[in-house]
Amino acid sequence: MSIIKGIIFDYGGTIDTNGIHWGEVIAEQYKVAGIDIERELYRKAYVHGERTLAKAPIITPEDTFHTLLKKKIAIQFEYLKEETHNQQFTAETADKIADGCYNKVRETLATSRSIIESLSKKFPMVLVTNFYGNMPVVLKEFRLNNYFNSIIESSVVGIRKPDPELFAMGVRALQLPAKEVIVIGDSYRKDIYPSTTLGCKTIWLKNLCWEEEPIEEGHTPTAIINDIKQLPDIITDIIAKEP
């Protein structure tokens, strides 16, 4: 009998972008919008935006993901305008980039939603995510709200990845031993490593990363995939190999 009895999913970068880091998703839409920007400056703007959203209650619990994206890009543009004094960083262009990102997510979710629905019929599932306090609204927006038994959201519980306690809360929500839980995420440092310290099995959805994440000895993922469509088969393979 399989000892995998529950699943913990990461959200951002996993379910919504198929393993492509959000920094890369947004950078691609900068190009589509005709914004030519030096890579390091863009990275600084992205990090500034994430830190700003983490520190200040800019995202409200009622915000949709579309609204979140518009606020996120607007913060990046404010930073870039201050750094460059370039007039190309307009509100209209920021909204265009946000719209492009949103459409990419909708395309990705057309695939990932069906996979999550299928897995939810076989396993209880919990979502563990570094997010902004509006995860329930976002899940409803994308018709994912019926698949997770519980949501462990960083801004709500006051703990952020890579703190293993966030995943420990997910394990407890499943009411299972850690060894019977498999964690699926796109970041080795934030998802895979902390989960292995608890004794969970792990699947690293490694697609287009923000930076290299070397695997540390003793904390090797149970499996590595590069497309969320591989999940059902890889979970079946992991179960089949269990003693």
Protein backbone atom coordinates (compact mmCIF):
# COMPACT_ATOMS: atom_id res chain seq x y z
CA MET A 1 0.00 0.00 0.00
CA SER A 2 1.22 3.50 -0.85
CA ILE A 3 2.48 5.65 1.99
CA ILE A 4 1.74 8.82 -0.03
CA LYS A 5 -1.61 9.91 1.34
CA GLY A 6 -1.61 13.69 0.95
CA ILE A 7 -0.25 16.49 -1.23
CA ILE A 8 1.02 19.98 -0.43
CA PHE A 9 1.12 22.40 -3.36
CA ASP A 10 2.95 25.69 -3.70
CA TYR A 11 0.96 28.26 -5.68
CA GLY A 12 2.96 31.12 -7.23
CA GLY A 13 5.43 29.89 -9.82
CA THR A 14 4.05 26.36 -9.62
CA ILE A 15 0.33 26.18 -10.34
CA ASP A 16 0.01 29.52 -12.11
CA THR A 17 3.14 29.60 -14.32
CA ASN A 18 4.17 25.94 -14.71
CA GLY A 19 7.52 26.37 -12.98
CA ILE A 20 8.51 29.66 -14.60
CA HIS A 21 9.66 32.15 -11.97
CA TRP A 22 7.44 35.21 -11.77
CA GLY A 23 10.42 37.47 -12.38
CA GLU A 24 10.84 35.80 -15.77
CA VAL A 25 7.12 35.94 -16.58
CA ILE A 26 7.02 39.70 -16.01
CA ALA A 27 10.35 40.28 -17.81
CA GLU A 28 8.92 38.64 -20.93
CA GLN A 29 5.93 40.99 -20.88
CA TYR A 30 8.28 43.98 -20.56
CA LYS A 31 9.75 42.87 -23.89
CA VAL A 32 6.31 42.41 -25.45
CA ALA A 33 5.43 45.95 -24.36
CA GLY A 34 8.60 47.30 -25.98
CA ILE A 35 10.43 48.07 -22.73
CA ASP A 36 14.16 47.51 -23.25
CA ILE A 37 15.76 47.41 -19.82
CA GLU A 38 19.11 46.23 -18.49
CA ARG A 39 18.73 42.90 -16.71
CA GLU A 40 20.26 43.92 -13.39
CA LEU A 41 18.14 47.07 -13.16
CA TYR A 42 15.02 45.02 -13.84
CA ARG A 43 16.00 42.56 -11.11
CA LYS A 44 16.39 45.42 -8.65
CA ALA A 45 12.95 46.75 -9.60
CA TYR A 46 11.42 43.31 -9.18
CA VAL A 47 13.00 42.74 -5.76
CA HIS A 48 11.99 46.23 -4.67
CA GLY A 49 8.41 45.47 -5.64
CA GLU A 50 8.30 42.18 -3.76
CA ARG A 51 9.79 43.70 -0.62
CA THR A 52 7.40 46.62 -0.76
CA LEU A 53 4.39 44.30 -1.02
CA ALA A 54 5.71 42.14 1.82
CA LYS A 55 6.17 45.10 4.16
CA ALA A 56 3.09 47.22 3.46
CA PRO A 57 -0.61 46.27 3.29
CA ILE A 58 -0.91 47.33 -0.34
CA ILE A 59 -2.75 44.17 -1.40
CA THR A 60 -6.13 43.84 0.32
CA PRO A 61 -7.88 40.54 1.07
CA GLU A 62 -10.50 41.48 -1.55
CA ASP A 63 -8.04 42.06 -4.40
CA THR A 64 -8.27 39.81 -7.43
CA PHE A 65 -5.10 38.55 -9.07
CA HIS A 66 -5.59 41.03 -11.90
CA THR A 67 -5.66 43.88 -9.39
CA LEU A 68 -2.62 42.44 -7.63
CA LEU A 69 -0.65 42.39 -10.88
CA LYS A 70 -1.55 46.00 -11.67
CA LYS A 71 -0.35 47.11 -8.24
CA LYS A 72 2.83 45.03 -8.53
CA ILE A 73 3.83 46.43 -11.94
CA ALA A 74 2.96 49.97 -10.87
CA ILE A 75 5.41 49.68 -7.96
CA GLN A 76 8.12 48.41 -10.30
CA PHE A 77 7.50 51.29 -12.70
CA GLU A 78 7.67 53.87 -9.90
CA TYR A 79 11.08 52.50 -8.94
CA LEU A 80 12.31 52.48 -12.54
CA LYS A 81 11.13 56.04 -13.17
CA GLU A 82 13.07 57.24 -10.14
CA GLU A 83 16.18 55.34 -11.18
CA THR A 84 16.18 56.28 -14.88
CA HIS A 85 13.99 59.41 -15.23
CA ASN A 86 12.72 57.73 -18.38
CA GLN A 87 9.21 58.67 -19.51
CA GLN A 88 8.53 55.27 -21.08
CA PHE A 89 7.35 53.91 -17.72
CA THR A 90 3.75 55.07 -18.05
CA ALA A 91 0.62 53.84 -16.28
CA GLU A 92 -0.76 52.66 -19.62
CA THR A 93 2.29 50.50 -20.31
CA ALA A 94 2.23 49.12 -16.76
CA ASP A 95 -1.39 48.03 -17.27
CA LYS A 96 -0.48 46.45 -20.60
CA ILE A 97 2.23 44.37 -18.90
CA ALA A 98 -0.16 43.35 -16.12
CA ASP A 99 -2.77 42.31 -18.69
CA GLY A 100 -0.19 40.24 -20.57
CA CYS A 101 0.88 38.45 -17.39
CA TYR A 102 -2.73 37.78 -16.47
CA ASN A 103 -3.49 36.25 -19.85
CA LYS A 104 -0.43 33.99 -19.56
CA VAL A 105 -1.68 32.74 -16.19
CA ARG A 106 -5.13 32.01 -17.60
CA GLU A 107 -3.54 29.97 -20.39
CA THR A 108 -1.40 27.99 -17.94
CA LEU A 109 -4.31 27.31 -15.60
CA ALA A 110 -6.31 25.76 -18.43
CA THR A 111 -3.86 22.84 -18.08
CA SER A 112 -2.92 22.88 -14.41
CA ARG A 113 -6.51 23.14 -13.18
CA SER A 114 -7.45 19.81 -14.77
CA ILE A 115 -4.41 18.12 -13.22
CA ILE A 116 -5.20 19.53 -9.77
CA GLU A 117 -8.82 18.47 -10.08
CA SER A 118 -7.75 14.92 -10.96
CA LEU A 119 -5.27 14.70 -8.06
CA SER A 120 -7.83 16.11 -5.60
CA LYS A 121 -10.04 13.08 -6.26
CA LYS A 122 -7.24 10.78 -5.07
CA PHE A 123 -5.53 12.77 -2.31
CA PRO A 124 -6.42 15.42 0.27
CA MET A 125 -4.51 18.56 -0.69
CA VAL A 126 -3.29 21.68 1.09
CA LEU A 127 -1.92 24.89 -0.40
CA VAL A 128 1.21 26.38 1.24
CA THR A 129 2.20 29.71 -0.24
CA ASN A 130 4.07 32.97 0.25
CA PHE A 131 1.23 35.26 -0.73
CA TYR A 132 -0.39 38.58 0.09
CA GLY A 133 -3.53 37.76 2.09
CA ASN A 134 -5.92 37.40 -0.86
CA MET A 135 -5.32 33.76 -1.78
CA PRO A 136 -8.98 32.69 -1.26
CA VAL A 137 -10.14 35.38 -3.72
CA VAL A 138 -7.49 34.36 -6.26
CA LEU A 139 -8.42 30.68 -6.02
CA LYS A 140 -12.07 31.55 -6.58
CA GLU A 141 -11.14 33.85 -9.47
CA PHE A 142 -9.41 30.95 -11.24
CA ARG A 143 -11.91 28.25 -10.19
CA LEU A 144 -9.42 26.46 -7.93
CA ASN A 145 -11.24 27.03 -4.65
CA ASN A 146 -12.80 23.58 -4.35
CA TYR A 147 -9.63 21.50 -4.48
CA PHE A 148 -7.74 22.36 -1.28
CA ASN A 149 -8.69 21.28 2.23
CA SER A 150 -6.77 24.18 3.73
CA ILE A 151 -4.75 27.27 2.74
CA ILE A 152 -1.56 28.14 4.63
CA GLU A 153 -0.73 31.68 3.47
CA SER A 154 2.39 33.46 4.69
CA SER A 155 0.88 36.90 5.22
CA VAL A 156 -1.99 35.40 7.20
CA VAL A 157 0.02 33.14 9.52
CA GLY A 158 3.02 35.46 9.87
CA ILE A 159 5.64 32.98 8.63
CA ARG A 160 7.35 32.99 5.24
CA LYS A 161 9.15 30.36 3.24
CA PRO A 162 11.79 29.02 3.47
CA ASP A 163 10.84 28.57 7.14
CA PRO A 164 9.97 24.84 7.41
CA GLU A 165 7.23 25.70 9.91
CA LEU A 166 5.01 26.87 7.06
CA PHE A 167 5.15 23.36 5.59
CA ALA A 168 4.82 21.80 9.03
CA MET A 169 1.52 23.66 9.32
CA GLY A 170 0.48 22.14 6.00
CA VAL A 171 1.40 18.66 7.19
CA ARG A 172 -0.64 19.17 10.36
CA ALA A 173 -3.59 20.43 8.31
CA LEU A 174 -3.51 17.13 6.39
CA GLN A 175 -3.39 15.24 9.71
CA LEU A 176 -0.76 12.91 8.29
CA PRO A 177 2.82 12.00 9.17
CA ALA A 178 5.31 14.00 7.06
CA LYS A 179 6.58 10.81 5.39
CA GLU A 180 3.09 10.29 3.92
CA VAL A 181 3.00 13.77 2.34
CA ILE A 182 4.48 14.86 -0.98
CA VAL A 183 5.31 18.54 -1.54
CA ILE A 184 5.23 20.08 -5.04
CA GLY A 185 6.94 23.41 -5.69
CA ASP A 186 9.03 25.40 -8.16
CA SER A 187 11.77 26.61 -5.77
CA TYR A 188 14.41 24.31 -4.33
CA ARG A 189 15.35 26.78 -1.58
CA LYS A 190 11.83 27.82 -0.61
CA ASP A 191 9.85 24.60 -1.21
CA ILE A 192 11.99 21.51 -1.60
CA TYR A 193 14.77 21.98 0.95
CA PRO A 194 12.53 22.97 3.90
CA SER A 195 10.11 20.13 3.12
CA THR A 196 12.87 17.54 3.11
CA THR A 197 13.93 18.66 6.60
CA LEU A 198 10.49 17.57 7.79
CA GLY A 199 10.72 14.16 6.11
CA CYS A 200 8.27 14.88 3.28
CA LYS A 201 8.70 13.52 -0.21
CA THR A 202 9.19 16.26 -2.79
CA ILE A 203 8.70 17.01 -6.48
CA TRP A 204 10.65 19.96 -7.86
CA LEU A 205 8.92 21.59 -10.82
CA LYS A 206 12.07 23.04 -12.33
CA ASN A 207 11.41 25.06 -15.45
CA LEU A 208 12.75 28.60 -15.95
CA CYS A 209 14.41 29.60 -12.68
CA TRP A 210 15.27 33.09 -11.44
CA GLU A 211 18.72 31.87 -10.39
CA GLU A 212 20.60 28.61 -9.98
CA GLU A 213 19.55 26.58 -6.93
CA PRO A 214 22.11 23.85 -6.23
CA ILE A 215 20.88 20.69 -4.53
CA GLU A 216 22.38 20.10 -1.10
CA GLU A 217 23.51 16.68 0.04
CA GLY A 218 20.87 14.94 2.10
CA HIS A 219 18.09 17.12 0.68
CA THR A 220 17.61 15.69 -2.79
CA PRO A 221 14.13 15.98 -4.35
CA THR A 222 12.27 12.70 -4.72
CA ALA A 223 11.72 13.69 -8.36
CA ILE A 224 12.39 16.60 -10.72
CA ILE A 225 10.03 17.53 -13.56
CA ASN A 226 9.91 20.44 -16.01
CA ASP A 227 6.19 20.50 -16.83
CA ILE A 228 3.17 20.23 -14.54
CA LYS A 229 1.62 17.80 -17.05
CA GLN A 230 4.18 15.23 -15.84
CA LEU A 231 2.77 15.24 -12.28
CA PRO A 232 0.23 12.40 -12.48
CA ASP A 233 2.74 9.99 -14.03
CA ILE A 234 5.60 10.92 -11.72
CA ILE A 235 3.42 10.48 -8.63
CA THR A 236 2.36 7.06 -9.94
CA ASP A 237 6.03 6.17 -10.48
CA ILE A 238 6.99 7.28 -6.96
CA ILE A 239 4.19 5.18 -5.46
CA ALA A 240 5.19 2.16 -7.56
CA LYS A 241 8.77 2.35 -6.28
CA GLU A 242 7.78 2.43 -2.63
CA PRO A 243 8.64 -0.72 -0.68
